Amino acid sequence: VVDGGLTTAYLYDHLAEQWAVENPGR
């Protein structure tokens, strides 16, 4: 959780998606 009560997963889920696109199958 970061300031303001939002979760890091909510704020930065696009980074996990970026990883998946840039590293297919990993």
PDB file of all heavy atoms in Angstrom:
ATOM      1  N   VAL A   1       0.845  -1.189   0.000  1.00  0.00           N
ATOM      2  CA  VAL A   1       0.000   0.000   0.000  1.00  0.00           C
ATOM      3  C   VAL A   1       0.882   1.242   0.000  1.00  0.00           C
ATOM      4  O   VAL A   1       1.883   1.293   0.703  1.00  0.00           O
ATOM      5  CB  VAL A   1      -0.925   0.012   1.240  1.00  0.00           C
ATOM      6  CG1 VAL A   1      -1.793   1.253   1.248  1.00  0.00           C
ATOM      7  CG2 VAL A   1      -1.797  -1.239   1.273  1.00  0.00           C
ATOM      8  N   VAL A   2       0.516   2.229  -0.809  1.00  0.00           N
ATOM      9  CA  VAL A   2       1.263   3.483  -0.857  1.00  0.00           C
ATOM     10  C   VAL A   2       0.425   4.593  -0.243  1.00  0.00           C
ATOM     11  O   VAL A   2      -0.718   4.384   0.137  1.00  0.00           O
ATOM     12  CB  VAL A   2       1.680   3.851  -2.302  1.00  0.00           C
ATOM     13  CG1 VAL A   2       2.628   2.819  -2.858  1.00  0.00           C
ATOM     14  CG2 VAL A   2       0.473   3.992  -3.208  1.00  0.00           C
ATOM     15  N   ASP A   3       0.983   5.782  -0.166  1.00  0.00           N
ATOM     16  CA  ASP A   3       0.255   6.933   0.365  1.00  0.00           C
ATOM     17  C   ASP A   3      -1.113   7.030  -0.305  1.00  0.00           C
ATOM     18  O   ASP A   3      -1.236   6.864  -1.508  1.00  0.00           O
ATOM     19  CB  ASP A   3       1.025   8.228   0.096  1.00  0.00           C
ATOM     20  CG  ASP A   3       2.361   8.272   0.799  1.00  0.00           C
ATOM     21  OD1 ASP A   3       2.565   7.491   1.742  1.00  0.00           O
ATOM     22  OD2 ASP A   3       3.213   9.086   0.401  1.00  0.00           O
ATOM     23  N   GLY A   4      -2.114   7.309   0.480  1.00  0.00           N
ATOM     24  CA  GLY A   4      -3.458   7.430  -0.079  1.00  0.00           C
ATOM     25  C   GLY A   4      -4.231   6.129  -0.037  1.00  0.00           C
ATOM     26  O   GLY A   4      -5.388   6.086  -0.426  1.00  0.00           O
ATOM     27  N   GLY A   5      -3.605   5.050   0.412  1.00  0.00           N
ATOM     28  CA  GLY A   5      -4.300   3.785   0.574  1.00  0.00           C
ATOM     29  C   GLY A   5      -4.439   2.938  -0.678  1.00  0.00           C
ATOM     30  O   GLY A   5      -5.053   1.878  -0.633  1.00  0.00           O
ATOM     31  N   LEU A   6      -3.916   3.375  -1.801  1.00  0.00           N
ATOM     32  CA  LEU A   6      -3.984   2.567  -3.016  1.00  0.00           C
ATOM     33  C   LEU A   6      -2.937   1.464  -2.963  1.00  0.00           C
ATOM     34  O   LEU A   6      -1.856   1.653  -2.414  1.00  0.00           O
ATOM     35  CB  LEU A   6      -3.767   3.439  -4.248  1.00  0.00           C
ATOM     36  CG  LEU A   6      -4.829   4.510  -4.485  1.00  0.00           C
ATOM     37  CD1 LEU A   6      -4.423   5.409  -5.638  1.00  0.00           C
ATOM     38  CD2 LEU A   6      -6.185   3.885  -4.750  1.00  0.00           C
ATOM     39  N   THR A   7      -3.229   0.346  -3.568  1.00  0.00           N
ATOM     40  CA  THR A   7      -2.260  -0.753  -3.556  1.00  0.00           C
ATOM     41  C   THR A   7      -1.240  -0.571  -4.678  1.00  0.00           C
ATOM     42  O   THR A   7      -1.547   0.014  -5.725  1.00  0.00           O
ATOM     43  CB  THR A   7      -2.947  -2.120  -3.725  1.00  0.00           C
ATOM     44  OG1 THR A   7      -3.530  -2.188  -5.028  1.00  0.00           O
ATOM     45  CG2 THR A   7      -4.005  -2.354  -2.656  1.00  0.00           C
ATOM     46  N   THR A   8      -0.058  -1.093  -4.452  1.00  0.00           N
ATOM     47  CA  THR A   8       0.970  -1.022  -5.489  1.00  0.00           C
ATOM     48  C   THR A   8       0.548  -1.856  -6.702  1.00  0.00           C
ATOM     49  O   THR A   8       0.848  -1.484  -7.836  1.00  0.00           O
ATOM     50  CB  THR A   8       2.330  -1.515  -4.962  1.00  0.00           C
ATOM     51  OG1 THR A   8       2.181  -2.806  -4.405  1.00  0.00           O
ATOM     52  CG2 THR A   8       2.883  -0.559  -3.918  1.00  0.00           C
ATOM     53  N   ALA A   9      -0.160  -2.964  -6.462  1.00  0.00           N
ATOM     54  CA  ALA A   9      -0.627  -3.792  -7.578  1.00  0.00           C
ATOM     55  C   ALA A   9      -1.580  -2.994  -8.468  1.00  0.00           C
ATOM     56  O   ALA A   9      -1.522  -3.075  -9.694  1.00  0.00           O
ATOM     57  CB  ALA A   9      -1.296  -5.051  -7.049  1.00  0.00           C
ATOM     58  N   TYR A  10      -2.446  -2.192  -7.862  1.00  0.00           N
ATOM     59  CA  TYR A  10      -3.390  -1.372  -8.614  1.00  0.00           C
ATOM     60  C   TYR A  10      -2.660  -0.282  -9.404  1.00  0.00           C
ATOM     61  O   TYR A  10      -2.934  -0.052 -10.577  1.00  0.00           O
ATOM     62  CB  TYR A  10      -4.414  -0.744  -7.665  1.00  0.00           C
ATOM     63  CG  TYR A  10      -5.364   0.207  -8.340  1.00  0.00           C
ATOM     64  CD1 TYR A  10      -6.451  -0.265  -9.067  1.00  0.00           C
ATOM     65  CD2 TYR A  10      -5.160   1.585  -8.275  1.00  0.00           C
ATOM     66  CE1 TYR A  10      -7.320   0.605  -9.704  1.00  0.00           C
ATOM     67  CE2 TYR A  10      -6.016   2.467  -8.907  1.00  0.00           C
ATOM     68  CZ  TYR A  10      -7.095   1.981  -9.615  1.00  0.00           C
ATOM     69  OH  TYR A  10      -7.935   2.843 -10.247  1.00  0.00           O
ATOM     70  N   LEU A  11      -1.741   0.399  -8.751  1.00  0.00           N
ATOM     71  CA  LEU A  11      -1.042   1.516  -9.387  1.00  0.00           C
ATOM     72  C   LEU A  11      -0.076   1.087 -10.485  1.00  0.00           C
ATOM     73  O   LEU A  11       0.124   1.811 -11.460  1.00  0.00           O
ATOM     74  CB  LEU A  11      -0.270   2.325  -8.339  1.00  0.00           C
ATOM     75  CG  LEU A  11      -1.109   3.145  -7.374  1.00  0.00           C
ATOM     76  CD1 LEU A  11      -0.228   3.723  -6.280  1.00  0.00           C
ATOM     77  CD2 LEU A  11      -1.840   4.242  -8.115  1.00  0.00           C
ATOM     78  N   TYR A  12       0.547  -0.071 -10.297  1.00  0.00           N
ATOM     79  CA  TYR A  12       1.638  -0.445 -11.197  1.00  0.00           C
ATOM     80  C   TYR A  12       1.427  -1.782 -11.903  1.00  0.00           C
ATOM     81  O   TYR A  12       2.378  -2.397 -12.364  1.00  0.00           O
ATOM     82  CB  TYR A  12       2.960  -0.456 -10.415  1.00  0.00           C
ATOM     83  CG  TYR A  12       3.242   0.876  -9.764  1.00  0.00           C
ATOM     84  CD1 TYR A  12       3.273   1.014  -8.389  1.00  0.00           C
ATOM     85  CD2 TYR A  12       3.452   2.014 -10.535  1.00  0.00           C
ATOM     86  CE1 TYR A  12       3.507   2.237  -7.787  1.00  0.00           C
ATOM     87  CE2 TYR A  12       3.675   3.249  -9.946  1.00  0.00           C
ATOM     88  CZ  TYR A  12       3.712   3.353  -8.577  1.00  0.00           C
ATOM     89  OH  TYR A  12       3.937   4.573  -7.991  1.00  0.00           O
ATOM     90  N   ASP A  13       0.167  -2.215 -12.038  1.00  0.00           N
ATOM     91  CA  ASP A  13      -0.088  -3.480 -12.718  1.00  0.00           C
ATOM     92  C   ASP A  13       0.356  -3.440 -14.176  1.00  0.00           C
ATOM     93  O   ASP A  13       0.710  -4.445 -14.765  1.00  0.00           O
ATOM     94  CB  ASP A  13      -1.548  -3.898 -12.603  1.00  0.00           C
ATOM     95  CG  ASP A  13      -2.502  -2.949 -13.322  1.00  0.00           C
ATOM     96  OD1 ASP A  13      -2.124  -1.773 -13.539  1.00  0.00           O
ATOM     97  OD2 ASP A  13      -3.614  -3.376 -13.675  1.00  0.00           O
ATOM     98  N   HIS A  14       0.386  -2.234 -14.775  1.00  0.00           N
ATOM     99  CA  HIS A  14       0.836  -2.110 -16.162  1.00  0.00           C
ATOM    100  C   HIS A  14       2.311  -2.516 -16.315  1.00  0.00           C
ATOM    101  O   HIS A  14       2.733  -2.940 -17.382  1.00  0.00           O
ATOM    102  CB  HIS A  14       0.620  -0.685 -16.676  1.00  0.00           C
ATOM    103  CG  HIS A  14       1.405   0.347 -15.954  1.00  0.00           C
ATOM    104  ND1 HIS A  14       1.058   0.824 -14.701  1.00  0.00           N
ATOM    105  CD2 HIS A  14       2.539   0.998 -16.291  1.00  0.00           C
ATOM    106  CE1 HIS A  14       1.936   1.726 -14.316  1.00  0.00           C
ATOM    107  NE2 HIS A  14       2.851   1.857 -15.257  1.00  0.00           N
ATOM    108  N   LEU A  15       3.090  -2.435 -15.235  1.00  0.00           N
ATOM    109  CA  LEU A  15       4.495  -2.833 -15.316  1.00  0.00           C
ATOM    110  C   LEU A  15       4.628  -4.347 -15.412  1.00  0.00           C
ATOM    111  O   LEU A  15       5.506  -4.857 -16.105  1.00  0.00           O
ATOM    112  CB  LEU A  15       5.270  -2.291 -14.112  1.00  0.00           C
ATOM    113  CG  LEU A  15       5.304  -0.761 -14.014  1.00  0.00           C
ATOM    114  CD1 LEU A  15       6.001  -0.323 -12.731  1.00  0.00           C
ATOM    115  CD2 LEU A  15       5.971  -0.150 -15.231  1.00  0.00           C
ATOM    116  N   ALA A  16       3.747  -5.074 -14.727  1.00  0.00           N
ATOM    117  CA  ALA A  16       3.736  -6.537 -14.862  1.00  0.00           C
ATOM    118  C   ALA A  16       3.342  -6.922 -16.288  1.00  0.00           C
ATOM    119  O   ALA A  16       3.914  -7.849 -16.874  1.00  0.00           O
ATOM    120  CB  ALA A  16       2.784  -7.156 -13.842  1.00  0.00           C
ATOM    121  N   GLU A  17       2.381  -6.185 -16.847  1.00  0.00           N
ATOM    122  CA  GLU A  17       1.984  -6.433 -18.232  1.00  0.00           C
ATOM    123  C   GLU A  17       3.136  -6.126 -19.185  1.00  0.00           C
ATOM    124  O   GLU A  17       3.360  -6.845 -20.156  1.00  0.00           O
ATOM    125  CB  GLU A  17       0.758  -5.593 -18.581  1.00  0.00           C
ATOM    126  CG  GLU A  17      -0.476  -6.002 -17.824  1.00  0.00           C
ATOM    127  CD  GLU A  17      -1.627  -5.018 -17.991  1.00  0.00           C
ATOM    128  OE1 GLU A  17      -1.585  -4.182 -18.928  1.00  0.00           O
ATOM    129  OE2 GLU A  17      -2.553  -5.077 -17.177  1.00  0.00           O
ATOM    130  N   GLN A  18       3.872  -5.051 -18.906  1.00  0.00           N
ATOM    131  CA  GLN A  18       5.034  -4.697 -19.726  1.00  0.00           C
ATOM    132  C   GLN A  18       6.049  -5.832 -19.695  1.00  0.00           C
ATOM    133  O   GLN A  18       6.595  -6.216 -20.733  1.00  0.00           O
ATOM    134  CB  GLN A  18       5.673  -3.408 -19.214  1.00  0.00           C
ATOM    135  CG  GLN A  18       6.926  -3.010 -19.971  1.00  0.00           C
ATOM    136  CD  GLN A  18       7.601  -1.769 -19.381  1.00  0.00           C
ATOM    137  OE1 GLN A  18       6.970  -0.984 -18.680  1.00  0.00           O
ATOM    138  NE2 GLN A  18       8.872  -1.615 -19.659  1.00  0.00           N
ATOM    139  N   TRP A  19       6.313  -6.382 -18.502  1.00  0.00           N
ATOM    140  CA  TRP A  19       7.246  -7.499 -18.371  1.00  0.00           C
ATOM    141  C   TRP A  19       6.781  -8.675 -19.228  1.00  0.00           C
ATOM    142  O   TRP A  19       7.568  -9.276 -19.954  1.00  0.00           O
ATOM    143  CB  TRP A  19       7.374  -7.923 -16.910  1.00  0.00           C
ATOM    144  CG  TRP A  19       8.148  -9.194 -16.760  1.00  0.00           C
ATOM    145  CD1 TRP A  19       7.653 -10.465 -16.689  1.00  0.00           C
ATOM    146  CD2 TRP A  19       9.566  -9.337 -16.721  1.00  0.00           C
ATOM    147  NE1 TRP A  19       8.670 -11.372 -16.600  1.00  0.00           N
ATOM    148  CE2 TRP A  19       9.846 -10.714 -16.619  1.00  0.00           C
ATOM    149  CE3 TRP A  19      10.622  -8.433 -16.756  1.00  0.00           C
ATOM    150  CZ2 TRP A  19      11.144 -11.199 -16.541  1.00  0.00           C
ATOM    151  CZ3 TRP A  19      11.912  -8.932 -16.685  1.00  0.00           C
ATOM    152  CH2 TRP A  19      12.168 -10.280 -16.581  1.00  0.00           C
ATOM    153  N   ALA A  20       5.496  -9.004 -19.143  1.00  0.00           N
ATOM    154  CA  ALA A  20       4.958 -10.147 -19.886  1.00  0.00           C
ATOM    155  C   ALA A  20       5.108  -9.947 -21.398  1.00  0.00           C
ATOM    156  O   ALA A  20       5.461 -10.891 -22.116  1.00  0.00           O
ATOM    157  CB  ALA A  20       3.499 -10.374 -19.515  1.00  0.00           C
ATOM    158  N   VAL A  21       4.873  -8.741 -21.886  1.00  0.00           N
ATOM    159  CA  VAL A  21       5.003  -8.454 -23.318  1.00  0.00           C
ATOM    160  C   VAL A  21       6.460  -8.516 -23.753  1.00  0.00           C
ATOM    161  O   VAL A  21       6.793  -9.063 -24.806  1.00  0.00           O
ATOM    162  CB  VAL A  21       4.384  -7.072 -23.650  1.00  0.00           C
ATOM    163  CG1 VAL A  21       4.757  -6.620 -25.046  1.00  0.00           C
ATOM    164  CG2 VAL A  21       2.882  -7.112 -23.473  1.00  0.00           C
ATOM    165  N   GLU A  22       7.357  -7.952 -22.937  1.00  0.00           N
ATOM    166  CA  GLU A  22       8.771  -7.898 -23.304  1.00  0.00           C
ATOM    167  C   GLU A  22       9.496  -9.223 -23.097  1.00  0.00           C
ATOM    168  O   GLU A  22      10.573  -9.427 -23.641  1.00  0.00           O
ATOM    169  CB  GLU A  22       9.477  -6.802 -22.493  1.00  0.00           C
ATOM    170  CG  GLU A  22       9.027  -5.412 -22.869  1.00  0.00           C
ATOM    171  CD  GLU A  22       9.664  -4.328 -22.019  1.00  0.00           C
ATOM    172  OE1 GLU A  22      10.265  -4.643 -20.968  1.00  0.00           O
ATOM    173  OE2 GLU A  22       9.553  -3.153 -22.414  1.00  0.00           O
ATOM    174  N   ASN A  23       8.915 -10.113 -22.279  1.00  0.00           N
ATOM    175  CA  ASN A  23       9.551 -11.393 -21.966  1.00  0.00           C
ATOM    176  C   ASN A  23       8.560 -12.529 -22.148  1.00  0.00           C
ATOM    177  O   ASN A  23       8.198 -13.211 -21.183  1.00  0.00           O
ATOM    178  CB  ASN A  23      10.064 -11.371 -20.516  1.00  0.00           C
ATOM    179  CG  ASN A  23      11.096 -10.303 -20.301  1.00  0.00           C
ATOM    180  OD1 ASN A  23      12.272 -10.492 -20.562  1.00  0.00           O
ATOM    181  ND2 ASN A  23      10.656  -9.141 -19.825  1.00  0.00           N
ATOM    182  N   PRO A  24       8.095 -12.753 -23.380  1.00  0.00           N
ATOM    183  CA  PRO A  24       7.069 -13.775 -23.606  1.00  0.00           C
ATOM    184  C   PRO A  24       7.541 -15.161 -23.146  1.00  0.00           C
ATOM    185  O   PRO A  24       8.675 -15.550 -23.388  1.00  0.00           O
ATOM    186  CB  PRO A  24       6.832 -13.742 -25.120  1.00  0.00           C
ATOM    187  CG  PRO A  24       7.963 -12.984 -25.704  1.00  0.00           C
ATOM    188  CD  PRO A  24       8.567 -12.150 -24.619  1.00  0.00           C
ATOM    189  N   GLY A  25       6.670 -15.832 -22.428  1.00  0.00           N
ATOM    190  CA  GLY A  25       6.984 -17.176 -21.962  1.00  0.00           C
ATOM    191  C   GLY A  25       7.824 -17.230 -20.698  1.00  0.00           C
ATOM    192  O   GLY A  25       8.053 -18.302 -20.153  1.00  0.00           O
ATOM    193  N   ARG A  26       8.311 -16.091 -20.220  1.00  0.00           N
ATOM    194  CA  ARG A  26       9.118 -16.045 -18.993  1.00  0.00           C
ATOM    195  C   ARG A  26       8.258 -15.592 -17.830  1.00  0.00           C
ATOM    196  O   ARG A  26       7.578 -14.580 -17.917  1.00  0.00           O
ATOM    197  CB  ARG A  26      10.271 -15.055 -19.140  1.00  0.00           C
ATOM    198  CG  ARG A  26      11.552 -15.683 -19.590  1.00  0.00           C
ATOM    199  CD  ARG A  26      12.662 -14.668 -19.697  1.00  0.00           C
ATOM    200  NE  ARG A  26      13.272 -14.390 -18.392  1.00  0.00           N
ATOM    201  CZ  ARG A  26      14.076 -13.381 -18.156  1.00  0.00           C
ATOM    202  NH1 ARG A  26      14.352 -12.525 -19.110  1.00  0.00           N
ATOM    203  NH2 ARG A  26      14.615 -13.219 -16.980  1.00  0.00           N
TER     204      ARG A  26
END
